[in-house]
């Protein structure tokens, strides 16, 4: 992989490359800051789908209030 290829990077993130292509992509990532940042951003964005975020300073739920008052 001598030139930047976003499709190839997506295949790397999706683990759809054979070993030789993975090694080529990793070699390219060692030399190319732009592609390395792109892989980081894509990986981070995809990982966000696995996390559930709570609102800060949200009111406690009714169940939590009843547990607090009965304790």
C-alpha atoms as a PDB file:
ATOM      1  CA  UNK A   1       0.000   0.000   0.000  1.00  0.00           C
ATOM      2  CA  UNK A   2       2.151   2.822  -1.248  1.00  0.00           C
ATOM      3  CA  UNK A   3      -0.634   5.377  -1.611  1.00  0.00           C
ATOM      4  CA  UNK A   4      -3.389   6.374   0.807  1.00  0.00           C
ATOM      5  CA  UNK A   5      -6.523   4.288   0.426  1.00  0.00           C
ATOM      6  CA  UNK A   6      -9.440   4.958   2.747  1.00  0.00           C
ATOM      7  CA  UNK A   7     -11.209   1.798   1.541  1.00  0.00           C
ATOM      8  CA  UNK A   8      -8.180  -0.281   2.497  1.00  0.00           C
ATOM      9  CA  UNK A   9      -8.087   1.383   5.916  1.00  0.00           C
ATOM     10  CA  UNK A  10     -11.755   0.570   6.476  1.00  0.00           C
ATOM     11  CA  UNK A  11     -11.050  -3.035   5.558  1.00  0.00           C
ATOM     12  CA  UNK A  12      -8.224  -3.016   8.102  1.00  0.00           C
ATOM     13  CA  UNK A  13     -10.510  -1.676  10.833  1.00  0.00           C
ATOM     14  CA  UNK A  14     -13.172  -4.244   9.885  1.00  0.00           C
ATOM     15  CA  UNK A  15     -10.519  -7.001   9.974  1.00  0.00           C
ATOM     16  CA  UNK A  16     -11.230  -8.038   6.389  1.00  0.00           C
ATOM     17  CA  UNK A  17      -7.647  -8.037   5.096  1.00  0.00           C
ATOM     18  CA  UNK A  18      -5.394 -11.046   4.744  1.00  0.00           C
ATOM     19  CA  UNK A  19      -2.068 -11.028   6.562  1.00  0.00           C
ATOM     20  CA  UNK A  20      -0.016  -9.594   3.687  1.00  0.00           C
ATOM     21  CA  UNK A  21      -2.448  -6.716   3.166  1.00  0.00           C
ATOM     22  CA  UNK A  22      -2.558  -6.046   6.926  1.00  0.00           C
ATOM     23  CA  UNK A  23       1.220  -5.784   7.027  1.00  0.00           C
ATOM     24  CA  UNK A  24       1.194  -3.394   4.068  1.00  0.00           C
ATOM     25  CA  UNK A  25      -1.442  -1.254   5.759  1.00  0.00           C
ATOM     26  CA  UNK A  26       0.442  -1.186   9.077  1.00  0.00           C
ATOM     27  CA  UNK A  27       3.629  -0.249   7.257  1.00  0.00           C
ATOM     28  CA  UNK A  28       1.772   2.592   5.565  1.00  0.00           C
ATOM     29  CA  UNK A  29       0.305   3.734   8.902  1.00  0.00           C
ATOM     30  CA  UNK A  30       3.829   3.957  10.321  1.00  0.00           C
ATOM     31  CA  UNK A  31       4.706   6.514   7.662  1.00  0.00           C
ATOM     32  CA  UNK A  32       1.423   8.393   7.121  1.00  0.00           C
ATOM     33  CA  UNK A  33       0.063  10.606   9.895  1.00  0.00           C
ATOM     34  CA  UNK A  34      -3.134  11.388   7.979  1.00  0.00           C
ATOM     35  CA  UNK A  35      -4.123   7.741   7.571  1.00  0.00           C
ATOM     36  CA  UNK A  36      -3.146   6.954  11.164  1.00  0.00           C
ATOM     37  CA  UNK A  37      -5.457   9.749  12.357  1.00  0.00           C
ATOM     38  CA  UNK A  38      -8.219   8.506  10.052  1.00  0.00           C
ATOM     39  CA  UNK A  39      -8.000   4.986  11.501  1.00  0.00           C
ATOM     40  CA  UNK A  40      -8.084   6.423  15.009  1.00  0.00           C
ATOM     41  CA  UNK A  41     -11.159   8.546  14.237  1.00  0.00           C
ATOM     42  CA  UNK A  42     -13.058   5.703  12.551  1.00  0.00           C
ATOM     43  CA  UNK A  43     -12.249   3.316  15.398  1.00  0.00           C
ATOM     44  CA  UNK A  44     -13.287   5.864  18.010  1.00  0.00           C
ATOM     45  CA  UNK A  45     -16.549   6.684  16.228  1.00  0.00           C
ATOM     46  CA  UNK A  46     -17.465   3.024  15.906  1.00  0.00           C
ATOM     47  CA  UNK A  47     -16.655   2.361  19.568  1.00  0.00           C
ATOM     48  CA  UNK A  48     -19.037   5.124  20.667  1.00  0.00           C
ATOM     49  CA  UNK A  49     -21.936   2.963  19.488  1.00  0.00           C
ATOM     50  CA  UNK A  50     -21.079   0.431  22.215  1.00  0.00           C
ATOM     51  CA  UNK A  51     -21.234   2.894  25.098  1.00  0.00           C
ATOM     52  CA  UNK A  52     -24.321   4.278  26.797  1.00  0.00           C
ATOM     53  CA  UNK A  53     -23.888   7.792  28.075  1.00  0.00           C
ATOM     54  CA  UNK A  54     -25.887   9.228  30.958  1.00  0.00           C
ATOM     55  CA  UNK A  55     -26.844  12.855  31.093  1.00  0.00           C
ATOM     56  CA  UNK A  56     -24.874  14.809  33.631  1.00  0.00           C
ATOM     57  CA  UNK A  57     -26.868  16.272  36.486  1.00  0.00           C
ATOM     58  CA  UNK A  58     -29.932  14.249  35.514  1.00  0.00           C
ATOM     59  CA  UNK A  59     -32.677  13.715  38.032  1.00  0.00           C
ATOM     60  CA  UNK A  60     -32.557  10.304  39.731  1.00  0.00           C
ATOM     61  CA  UNK A  61     -35.121   7.847  38.494  1.00  0.00           C
ATOM     62  CA  UNK A  62     -38.273   7.042  40.485  1.00  0.00           C
ATOM     63  CA  UNK A  63     -36.844   3.656  41.446  1.00  0.00           C
ATOM     64  CA  UNK A  64     -33.730   5.252  42.887  1.00  0.00           C
ATOM     65  CA  UNK A  65     -35.845   7.771  44.855  1.00  0.00           C
ATOM     66  CA  UNK A  66     -37.974   5.024  46.376  1.00  0.00           C
ATOM     67  CA  UNK A  67     -34.859   3.068  47.373  1.00  0.00           C
ATOM     68  CA  UNK A  68     -33.372   6.179  48.993  1.00  0.00           C
ATOM     69  CA  UNK A  69     -36.524   7.023  50.974  1.00  0.00           C
ATOM     70  CA  UNK A  70     -37.055   3.433  52.202  1.00  0.00           C
ATOM     71  CA  UNK A  71     -33.502   3.044  53.402  1.00  0.00           C
END
